[in-house]
Amino acid sequence: MVVAAVFGVVLHRLAAQGQLAADKWTPFLNANVWKTYLLPGLRGTLVAAGISIVLAMILGVLFGVGRLSPWRVVRWPCAMLVEFFRAVPVLIMMIFAWQFYSLFNVVPARHSVLAGVVTGLTLYNGAVIAEAIRTGVNNLPRGQAEAAYALGMRWRQTMWSIELPQAITSMLPVLVSQMVVVLKDTALGYQISYLEVVRQGRIVGTAFQNYIPTLIVVAVLMIALNFALSALAGWIERRMRRSRRGPAPARAHAVEQDGVPGAPVR
């Protein structure tokens, strides 16, 4: 009831300011507005998010396993890097990476902004994913690792073959939430002039003086992307859980031997 009341008040205020008038929404019926501004911005958001998610997952697994390493020379540097990247704001890492790439020509100039956005998102979210992986492994029953060691398996074999797959499966909801964070944080690229959907929406709002309707449309697009990402992750989780199940046990009456009651007479 409270949410409905607040929503009603917001709609009333928007209508009083003329933000719900038809002429404010007419630009979104123009195909050129979508082709020139919103769709290129949406593509930029998806490109940055897609690359960052893949790289953050790889970095997170490597750092997470590194933090669990029995060797201090590996464990301590990984722990320091994870804590550092978690502490530094994403926007600062984006700006620093963008300036670094531009000054030293690490990447082509036309890709320096994208590289800066991807670097910031990858480092921060990779560190968060590393902690999720470490937590997932630590929550597994210790008997599994002990049984693997008793069979002669080494730490590396135990980690990559037994513990890590289970940890990723159990922590998949957390990983999906972090992927959604990556998708939303691409909007920070606006600060370094990256062509993403929020920046393009601001251009539309400035051109047609319809900031509120534009923000609503952009929000709907982002919500749709988040739902699609969550649905994809849910499908992957179901596939992973089914693939880890063993084959169905044979039924008792499926096997008959000679000399056993109920065996066919030959």
C-alpha atoms as a PDB file:
ATOM      1  CA  MET A   1       0.000   0.000   0.000  1.00  0.00           C
ATOM      2  CA  VAL A   2       2.780   2.415   0.884  1.00  0.00           C
ATOM      3  CA  VAL A   3       4.595   1.721  -2.374  1.00  0.00           C
ATOM      4  CA  ALA A   4       1.382   2.216  -4.362  1.00  0.00           C
ATOM      5  CA  ALA A   5       0.722   5.500  -2.571  1.00  0.00           C
ATOM      6  CA  VAL A   6       4.228   6.786  -3.250  1.00  0.00           C
ATOM      7  CA  PHE A   7       3.939   5.703  -6.884  1.00  0.00           C
ATOM      8  CA  GLY A   8       0.641   7.579  -7.188  1.00  0.00           C
ATOM      9  CA  VAL A   9       2.145  10.743  -5.731  1.00  0.00           C
ATOM     10  CA  VAL A  10       5.080  10.539  -8.136  1.00  0.00           C
ATOM     11  CA  LEU A  11       2.760  10.131 -11.123  1.00  0.00           C
ATOM     12  CA  HIS A  12       0.656  13.069  -9.950  1.00  0.00           C
ATOM     13  CA  ARG A  13       3.716  15.306  -9.620  1.00  0.00           C
ATOM     14  CA  LEU A  14       5.026  14.269 -13.039  1.00  0.00           C
ATOM     15  CA  ALA A  15       1.651  14.970 -14.623  1.00  0.00           C
ATOM     16  CA  ALA A  16       1.508  18.369 -12.928  1.00  0.00           C
ATOM     17  CA  GLN A  17       4.896  19.237 -14.434  1.00  0.00           C
ATOM     18  CA  GLY A  18       3.803  18.106 -17.896  1.00  0.00           C
ATOM     19  CA  GLN A  19       6.268  15.208 -17.971  1.00  0.00           C
ATOM     20  CA  LEU A  20       3.537  12.728 -18.905  1.00  0.00           C
ATOM     21  CA  ALA A  21       2.301  14.764 -21.852  1.00  0.00           C
ATOM     22  CA  ALA A  22       2.180  12.954 -25.173  1.00  0.00           C
ATOM     23  CA  ASP A  23       4.695  15.276 -26.849  1.00  0.00           C
ATOM     24  CA  LYS A  24       7.334  14.240 -24.284  1.00  0.00           C
ATOM     25  CA  TRP A  25       7.033  10.610 -25.360  1.00  0.00           C
ATOM     26  CA  THR A  26       6.630  11.167 -29.096  1.00  0.00           C
ATOM     27  CA  PRO A  27      10.417  11.099 -29.817  1.00  0.00           C
ATOM     28  CA  PHE A  28      10.516   7.435 -28.796  1.00  0.00           C
ATOM     29  CA  LEU A  29       8.169   6.625 -31.674  1.00  0.00           C
ATOM     30  CA  ASN A  30      10.776   7.973 -34.076  1.00  0.00           C
ATOM     31  CA  ALA A  31      12.998   5.214 -35.471  1.00  0.00           C
ATOM     32  CA  ASN A  32      15.877   7.662 -35.986  1.00  0.00           C
ATOM     33  CA  VAL A  33      16.046   8.365 -32.245  1.00  0.00           C
ATOM     34  CA  TRP A  34      16.548   4.668 -31.609  1.00  0.00           C
ATOM     35  CA  LYS A  35      18.968   4.076 -34.474  1.00  0.00           C
ATOM     36  CA  THR A  36      21.056   7.182 -33.781  1.00  0.00           C
ATOM     37  CA  TYR A  37      21.129   7.284 -29.985  1.00  0.00           C
ATOM     38  CA  LEU A  38      19.525   4.544 -27.918  1.00  0.00           C
ATOM     39  CA  LEU A  39      20.483   1.406 -29.849  1.00  0.00           C
ATOM     40  CA  PRO A  40      24.167   2.431 -30.245  1.00  0.00           C
ATOM     41  CA  GLY A  41      24.197   3.230 -26.529  1.00  0.00           C
ATOM     42  CA  LEU A  42      22.628  -0.117 -25.731  1.00  0.00           C
ATOM     43  CA  ARG A  43      25.224  -1.848 -27.882  1.00  0.00           C
ATOM     44  CA  GLY A  44      28.010  -0.014 -26.056  1.00  0.00           C
ATOM     45  CA  THR A  45      26.576  -1.092 -22.705  1.00  0.00           C
ATOM     46  CA  LEU A  46      26.356  -4.728 -23.787  1.00  0.00           C
ATOM     47  CA  VAL A  47      29.875  -4.760 -25.263  1.00  0.00           C
ATOM     48  CA  ALA A  48      31.480  -3.289 -22.138  1.00  0.00           C
ATOM     49  CA  ALA A  49      29.440  -5.499 -19.808  1.00  0.00           C
ATOM     50  CA  GLY A  50      30.035  -8.679 -21.815  1.00  0.00           C
ATOM     51  CA  ILE A  51      33.803  -8.247 -22.002  1.00  0.00           C
ATOM     52  CA  SER A  52      34.012  -7.209 -18.349  1.00  0.00           C
ATOM     53  CA  ILE A  53      31.935 -10.156 -17.117  1.00  0.00           C
ATOM     54  CA  VAL A  54      34.103 -12.692 -18.937  1.00  0.00           C
ATOM     55  CA  LEU A  55      37.374 -11.118 -17.782  1.00  0.00           C
ATOM     56  CA  ALA A  56      36.106 -10.598 -14.220  1.00  0.00           C
ATOM     57  CA  MET A  57      35.103 -14.266 -13.982  1.00  0.00           C
ATOM     58  CA  ILE A  58      38.545 -15.375 -15.153  1.00  0.00           C
ATOM     59  CA  LEU A  59      40.315 -12.950 -12.825  1.00  0.00           C
ATOM     60  CA  GLY A  60      38.019 -13.857  -9.938  1.00  0.00           C
ATOM     61  CA  VAL A  61      38.690 -17.580 -10.297  1.00  0.00           C
ATOM     62  CA  LEU A  62      42.452 -17.030 -10.488  1.00  0.00           C
ATOM     63  CA  PHE A  63      42.540 -14.680  -7.489  1.00  0.00           C
ATOM     64  CA  GLY A  64      40.094 -16.836  -5.519  1.00  0.00           C
ATOM     65  CA  VAL A  65      42.164 -19.970  -6.047  1.00  0.00           C
ATOM     66  CA  GLY A  66      45.320 -17.967  -5.359  1.00  0.00           C
ATOM     67  CA  ARG A  67      43.961 -16.873  -1.990  1.00  0.00           C
ATOM     68  CA  LEU A  68      43.389 -20.523  -1.104  1.00  0.00           C
ATOM     69  CA  SER A  69      46.859 -21.595  -2.199  1.00  0.00           C
ATOM     70  CA  PRO A  70      48.961 -23.443   0.393  1.00  0.00           C
ATOM     71  CA  TRP A  71      51.979 -21.365  -0.694  1.00  0.00           C
ATOM     72  CA  ARG A  72      52.376 -17.964   0.945  1.00  0.00           C
ATOM     73  CA  VAL A  73      54.241 -16.540  -2.022  1.00  0.00           C
ATOM     74  CA  VAL A  74      51.005 -16.944  -4.005  1.00  0.00           C
ATOM     75  CA  ARG A  75      48.420 -16.448  -1.270  1.00  0.00           C
ATOM     76  CA  TRP A  76      49.640 -13.125   0.148  1.00  0.00           C
ATOM     77  CA  PRO A  77      50.020 -11.175  -3.130  1.00  0.00           C
ATOM     78  CA  CYS A  78      46.583 -12.382  -4.235  1.00  0.00           C
ATOM     79  CA  ALA A  79      45.067 -11.299  -0.921  1.00  0.00           C
ATOM     80  CA  MET A  80      46.645  -7.831  -1.161  1.00  0.00           C
ATOM     81  CA  LEU A  81      45.502  -7.316  -4.750  1.00  0.00           C
ATOM     82  CA  VAL A  82      41.960  -8.430  -3.964  1.00  0.00           C
ATOM     83  CA  GLU A  83      41.676  -6.082  -0.986  1.00  0.00           C
ATOM     84  CA  PHE A  84      43.192  -3.207  -2.981  1.00  0.00           C
ATOM     85  CA  PHE A  85      40.862  -3.559  -5.963  1.00  0.00           C
ATOM     86  CA  ARG A  86      37.842  -3.919  -3.675  1.00  0.00           C
ATOM     87  CA  ALA A  87      38.737  -0.718  -1.845  1.00  0.00           C
ATOM     88  CA  VAL A  88      39.377   1.569  -4.830  1.00  0.00           C
ATOM     89  CA  PRO A  89      36.213   3.075  -6.400  1.00  0.00           C
ATOM     90  CA  VAL A  90      35.398   1.735  -9.847  1.00  0.00           C
ATOM     91  CA  LEU A  91      35.282   5.206 -11.401  1.00  0.00           C
ATOM     92  CA  ILE A  92      38.798   6.033 -10.217  1.00  0.00           C
ATOM     93  CA  MET A  93      40.134   2.837 -11.774  1.00  0.00           C
ATOM     94  CA  MET A  94      38.300   3.649 -15.008  1.00  0.00           C
ATOM     95  CA  ILE A  95      39.776   7.146 -15.196  1.00  0.00           C
ATOM     96  CA  PHE A  96      43.278   5.965 -14.291  1.00  0.00           C
ATOM     97  CA  ALA A  97      43.216   3.141 -16.849  1.00  0.00           C
ATOM     98  CA  TRP A  98      41.821   5.426 -19.556  1.00  0.00           C
ATOM     99  CA  GLN A  99      44.523   8.046 -18.960  1.00  0.00           C
ATOM    100  CA  PHE A 100      47.228   5.386 -18.810  1.00  0.00           C
ATOM    101  CA  TYR A 101      46.150   3.801 -22.080  1.00  0.00           C
ATOM    102  CA  SER A 102      45.890   7.201 -23.765  1.00  0.00           C
ATOM    103  CA  LEU A 103      49.270   8.511 -22.580  1.00  0.00           C
ATOM    104  CA  PHE A 104      51.280   5.404 -23.410  1.00  0.00           C
ATOM    105  CA  ASN A 105      49.324   4.252 -26.488  1.00  0.00           C
ATOM    106  CA  VAL A 106      48.724   0.829 -24.968  1.00  0.00           C
ATOM    107  CA  VAL A 107      45.603   0.373 -27.103  1.00  0.00           C
ATOM    108  CA  PRO A 108      44.427   2.199 -30.238  1.00  0.00           C
ATOM    109  CA  ALA A 109      43.049   5.644 -29.428  1.00  0.00           C
ATOM    110  CA  ARG A 110      39.537   4.760 -30.600  1.00  0.00           C
ATOM    111  CA  HIS A 111      39.399   1.906 -28.078  1.00  0.00           C
ATOM    112  CA  SER A 112      41.037   3.643 -25.101  1.00  0.00           C
ATOM    113  CA  VAL A 113      37.740   4.674 -23.498  1.00  0.00           C
ATOM    114  CA  LEU A 114      36.270   1.180 -23.822  1.00  0.00           C
ATOM    115  CA  ALA A 115      39.497  -0.296 -22.449  1.00  0.00           C
ATOM    116  CA  GLY A 116      39.331   2.054 -19.463  1.00  0.00           C
ATOM    117  CA  VAL A 117      35.737   1.085 -18.679  1.00  0.00           C
ATOM    118  CA  VAL A 118      36.467  -2.631 -19.043  1.00  0.00           C
ATOM    119  CA  THR A 119      39.612  -2.403 -16.899  1.00  0.00           C
ATOM    120  CA  GLY A 120      37.830  -0.683 -14.019  1.00  0.00           C
ATOM    121  CA  LEU A 121      34.899  -3.088 -14.087  1.00  0.00           C
ATOM    122  CA  THR A 122      37.132  -6.143 -14.442  1.00  0.00           C
ATOM    123  CA  LEU A 123      39.469  -5.313 -11.571  1.00  0.00           C
ATOM    124  CA  TYR A 124      36.760  -4.404  -9.068  1.00  0.00           C
ATOM    125  CA  ASN A 125      34.293  -7.157  -9.895  1.00  0.00           C
ATOM    126  CA  GLY A 126      37.068  -9.718 -10.322  1.00  0.00           C
ATOM    127  CA  ALA A 127      38.119  -9.000  -6.734  1.00  0.00           C
ATOM    128  CA  VAL A 128      34.544  -9.393  -5.483  1.00  0.00           C
ATOM    129  CA  ILE A 129      34.108 -12.649  -7.404  1.00  0.00           C
ATOM    130  CA  ALA A 130      37.401 -13.901  -5.947  1.00  0.00           C
ATOM    131  CA  GLU A 131      35.981 -13.483  -2.451  1.00  0.00           C
ATOM    132  CA  ALA A 132      32.808 -15.293  -3.481  1.00  0.00           C
ATOM    133  CA  ILE A 133      34.849 -18.190  -4.868  1.00  0.00           C
ATOM    134  CA  ARG A 134      36.966 -18.364  -1.716  1.00  0.00           C
ATOM    135  CA  THR A 135      33.848 -18.377   0.462  1.00  0.00           C
ATOM    136  CA  GLY A 136      32.250 -21.092  -1.647  1.00  0.00           C
ATOM    137  CA  VAL A 137      35.285 -23.353  -1.373  1.00  0.00           C
ATOM    138  CA  ASN A 138      35.617 -22.784   2.376  1.00  0.00           C
ATOM    139  CA  ASN A 139      31.951 -23.716   2.872  1.00  0.00           C
ATOM    140  CA  LEU A 140      32.398 -27.136   1.271  1.00  0.00           C
ATOM    141  CA  PRO A 141      32.659 -30.178   3.573  1.00  0.00           C
ATOM    142  CA  ARG A 142      36.306 -30.771   4.417  1.00  0.00           C
ATOM    143  CA  GLY A 143      35.852 -34.500   4.031  1.00  0.00           C
ATOM    144  CA  GLN A 144      35.869 -34.181   0.246  1.00  0.00           C
ATOM    145  CA  ALA A 145      39.350 -32.704   0.105  1.00  0.00           C
ATOM    146  CA  GLU A 146      40.616 -35.130   2.738  1.00  0.00           C
ATOM    147  CA  ALA A 147      39.268 -38.084   0.760  1.00  0.00           C
ATOM    148  CA  ALA A 148      40.939 -36.754  -2.390  1.00  0.00           C
ATOM    149  CA  TYR A 149      44.267 -36.409  -0.582  1.00  0.00           C
ATOM    150  CA  ALA A 150      43.874 -39.943   0.772  1.00  0.00           C
ATOM    151  CA  LEU A 151      43.509 -41.166  -2.815  1.00  0.00           C
ATOM    152  CA  GLY A 152      46.807 -39.521  -3.711  1.00  0.00           C
ATOM    153  CA  MET A 153      45.454 -36.409  -5.434  1.00  0.00           C
ATOM    154  CA  ARG A 154      47.451 -33.210  -5.076  1.00  0.00           C
ATOM    155  CA  TRP A 155      46.116 -29.845  -3.945  1.00  0.00           C
ATOM    156  CA  ARG A 156      45.899 -28.511  -7.490  1.00  0.00           C
ATOM    157  CA  GLN A 157      43.993 -31.558  -8.725  1.00  0.00           C
ATOM    158  CA  THR A 158      41.643 -31.455  -5.765  1.00  0.00           C
ATOM    159  CA  MET A 159      40.960 -27.745  -6.182  1.00  0.00           C
ATOM    160  CA  TRP A 160      40.321 -27.683  -9.921  1.00  0.00           C
ATOM    161  CA  SER A 161      38.553 -31.048 -10.243  1.00  0.00           C
ATOM    162  CA  ILE A 162      36.492 -31.305  -7.059  1.00  0.00           C
ATOM    163  CA  GLU A 163      36.220 -28.152  -4.977  1.00  0.00           C
ATOM    164  CA  LEU A 164      36.124 -25.338  -7.540  1.00  0.00           C
ATOM    165  CA  PRO A 165      33.262 -26.734  -9.693  1.00  0.00           C
ATOM    166  CA  GLN A 166      31.105 -27.224  -6.598  1.00  0.00           C
ATOM    167  CA  ALA A 167      31.973 -23.775  -5.255  1.00  0.00           C
ATOM    168  CA  ILE A 168      31.008 -22.089  -8.523  1.00  0.00           C
ATOM    169  CA  THR A 169      27.703 -23.971  -8.624  1.00  0.00           C
ATOM    170  CA  SER A 170      26.835 -23.155  -5.014  1.00  0.00           C
ATOM    171  CA  MET A 171      27.810 -19.480  -5.363  1.00  0.00           C
ATOM    172  CA  LEU A 172      26.092 -18.973  -8.716  1.00  0.00           C
ATOM    173  CA  PRO A 173      23.351 -16.686  -7.287  1.00  0.00           C
ATOM    174  CA  VAL A 174      26.066 -14.415  -5.888  1.00  0.00           C
ATOM    175  CA  LEU A 175      27.924 -14.477  -9.187  1.00  0.00           C
ATOM    176  CA  VAL A 176      24.740 -13.571 -11.065  1.00  0.00           C
ATOM    177  CA  SER A 177      24.177 -10.627  -8.732  1.00  0.00           C
ATOM    178  CA  GLN A 178      27.697  -9.443  -9.457  1.00  0.00           C
ATOM    179  CA  MET A 179      27.084  -9.722 -13.196  1.00  0.00           C
ATOM    180  CA  VAL A 180      24.077  -7.437 -12.774  1.00  0.00           C
ATOM    181  CA  VAL A 181      26.326  -4.992 -10.914  1.00  0.00           C
ATOM    182  CA  VAL A 182      28.741  -5.046 -13.855  1.00  0.00           C
ATOM    183  CA  LEU A 183      25.902  -4.276 -16.245  1.00  0.00           C
ATOM    184  CA  LYS A 184      24.690  -1.337 -14.171  1.00  0.00           C
ATOM    185  CA  ASP A 185      28.159   0.046 -13.508  1.00  0.00           C
ATOM    186  CA  THR A 186      28.810   0.458 -17.221  1.00  0.00           C
ATOM    187  CA  ALA A 187      26.892   3.722 -16.743  1.00  0.00           C
ATOM    188  CA  LEU A 188      29.969   5.071 -14.919  1.00  0.00           C
ATOM    189  CA  GLY A 189      31.662   5.122 -18.311  1.00  0.00           C
ATOM    190  CA  TYR A 190      29.596   8.237 -18.964  1.00  0.00           C
ATOM    191  CA  GLN A 191      32.175  10.154 -16.912  1.00  0.00           C
ATOM    192  CA  ILE A 192      34.931   9.371 -19.415  1.00  0.00           C
ATOM    193  CA  SER A 193      32.699   9.893 -22.470  1.00  0.00           C
ATOM    194  CA  TYR A 194      32.046   6.235 -23.193  1.00  0.00           C
ATOM    195  CA  LEU A 195      29.125   5.753 -25.560  1.00  0.00           C
ATOM    196  CA  GLU A 196      26.678   3.801 -23.397  1.00  0.00           C
ATOM    197  CA  VAL A 197      22.928   3.938 -23.005  1.00  0.00           C
ATOM    198  CA  VAL A 198      22.755   6.442 -20.106  1.00  0.00           C
ATOM    199  CA  ARG A 199      25.005   8.930 -21.903  1.00  0.00           C
ATOM    200  CA  GLN A 200      22.985   8.559 -25.088  1.00  0.00           C
ATOM    201  CA  GLY A 201      19.798   8.986 -23.087  1.00  0.00           C
ATOM    202  CA  ARG A 202      21.077  12.282 -21.721  1.00  0.00           C
ATOM    203  CA  ILE A 203      21.685  13.482 -25.274  1.00  0.00           C
ATOM    204  CA  VAL A 204      18.093  12.598 -26.180  1.00  0.00           C
ATOM    205  CA  GLY A 205      16.791  14.343 -23.067  1.00  0.00           C
ATOM    206  CA  THR A 206      18.757  17.487 -23.901  1.00  0.00           C
ATOM    207  CA  ALA A 207      17.615  17.526 -27.513  1.00  0.00           C
ATOM    208  CA  PHE A 208      13.906  17.035 -26.802  1.00  0.00           C
ATOM    209  CA  GLN A 209      13.715  18.505 -23.270  1.00  0.00           C
ATOM    210  CA  ASN A 210      12.186  15.296 -21.929  1.00  0.00           C
ATOM    211  CA  TYR A 211      14.660  14.147 -19.285  1.00  0.00           C
ATOM    212  CA  ILE A 212      12.180  12.252 -17.113  1.00  0.00           C
ATOM    213  CA  PRO A 213      10.602  10.208 -19.935  1.00  0.00           C
ATOM    214  CA  THR A 214      14.070   9.473 -21.312  1.00  0.00           C
ATOM    215  CA  LEU A 215      15.298   8.262 -17.927  1.00  0.00           C
ATOM    216  CA  ILE A 216      12.216   6.061 -17.609  1.00  0.00           C
ATOM    217  CA  VAL A 217      12.854   4.506 -21.033  1.00  0.00           C
ATOM    218  CA  VAL A 218      16.532   3.943 -20.201  1.00  0.00           C
ATOM    219  CA  ALA A 219      15.564   2.404 -16.849  1.00  0.00           C
ATOM    220  CA  VAL A 220      13.123   0.032 -18.578  1.00  0.00           C
ATOM    221  CA  LEU A 221      15.861  -1.026 -21.013  1.00  0.00           C
ATOM    222  CA  MET A 222      18.293  -1.706 -18.163  1.00  0.00           C
ATOM    223  CA  ILE A 223      15.669  -3.642 -16.195  1.00  0.00           C
ATOM    224  CA  ALA A 224      14.937  -5.767 -19.264  1.00  0.00           C
ATOM    225  CA  LEU A 225      18.650  -6.509 -19.676  1.00  0.00           C
ATOM    226  CA  ASN A 226      18.951  -7.461 -16.010  1.00  0.00           C
ATOM    227  CA  PHE A 227      15.985  -9.826 -16.258  1.00  0.00           C
ATOM    228  CA  ALA A 228      17.452 -11.396 -19.393  1.00  0.00           C
ATOM    229  CA  LEU A 229      20.816 -11.855 -17.672  1.00  0.00           C
ATOM    230  CA  SER A 230      19.172 -13.394 -14.603  1.00  0.00           C
ATOM    231  CA  ALA A 231      17.121 -15.751 -16.787  1.00  0.00           C
ATOM    232  CA  LEU A 232      20.235 -16.836 -18.680  1.00  0.00           C
ATOM    233  CA  ALA A 233      22.112 -17.441 -15.441  1.00  0.00           C
ATOM    234  CA  GLY A 234      19.191 -19.441 -14.051  1.00  0.00           C
ATOM    235  CA  TRP A 235      19.187 -21.635 -17.148  1.00  0.00           C
ATOM    236  CA  ILE A 236      22.947 -22.178 -16.842  1.00  0.00           C
ATOM    237  CA  GLU A 237      22.562 -23.041 -13.150  1.00  0.00           C
ATOM    238  CA  ARG A 238      19.905 -25.658 -13.913  1.00  0.00           C
ATOM    239  CA  ARG A 239      22.067 -27.177 -16.636  1.00  0.00           C
ATOM    240  CA  MET A 240      25.073 -27.296 -14.323  1.00  0.00           C
ATOM    241  CA  ARG A 241      23.109 -28.949 -11.526  1.00  0.00           C
ATOM    242  CA  ARG A 242      21.647 -31.560 -13.880  1.00  0.00           C
ATOM    243  CA  SER A 243      25.037 -32.314 -15.407  1.00  0.00           C
ATOM    244  CA  ARG A 244      26.516 -32.982 -11.963  1.00  0.00           C
ATOM    245  CA  ARG A 245      23.870 -35.551 -11.084  1.00  0.00           C
ATOM    246  CA  GLY A 246      24.822 -39.151 -11.574  1.00  0.00           C
ATOM    247  CA  PRO A 247      22.889 -41.507 -13.835  1.00  0.00           C
ATOM    248  CA  ALA A 248      19.609 -42.825 -12.518  1.00  0.00           C
ATOM    249  CA  PRO A 249      20.041 -46.065 -10.553  1.00  0.00           C
ATOM    250  CA  ALA A 250      18.928 -49.243 -12.290  1.00  0.00           C
ATOM    251  CA  ARG A 251      15.609 -50.628 -11.166  1.00  0.00           C
ATOM    252  CA  ALA A 252      15.691 -53.836  -9.148  1.00  0.00           C
ATOM    253  CA  HIS A 253      13.604 -55.849 -11.627  1.00  0.00           C
ATOM    254  CA  ALA A 254      15.725 -54.833 -14.596  1.00  0.00           C
ATOM    255  CA  VAL A 255      18.410 -57.473 -13.879  1.00  0.00           C
ATOM    256  CA  GLU A 256      17.563 -61.169 -13.808  1.00  0.00           C
ATOM    257  CA  GLN A 257      20.020 -64.035 -13.465  1.00  0.00           C
ATOM    258  CA  ASP A 258      19.739 -67.772 -13.999  1.00  0.00           C
ATOM    259  CA  GLY A 259      18.829 -69.623 -10.850  1.00  0.00           C
ATOM    260  CA  VAL A 260      17.232 -66.600  -9.234  1.00  0.00           C
ATOM    261  CA  PRO A 261      13.507 -66.753  -8.446  1.00  0.00           C
ATOM    262  CA  GLY A 262      11.646 -64.870 -11.129  1.00  0.00           C
ATOM    263  CA  ALA A 263      14.279 -65.508 -13.792  1.00  0.00           C
ATOM    264  CA  PRO A 264      12.920 -66.459 -17.208  1.00  0.00           C
ATOM    265  CA  VAL A 265      12.779 -70.151 -18.019  1.00  0.00           C
ATOM    266  CA  ARG A 266      14.915 -71.094 -21.025  1.00  0.00           C
END
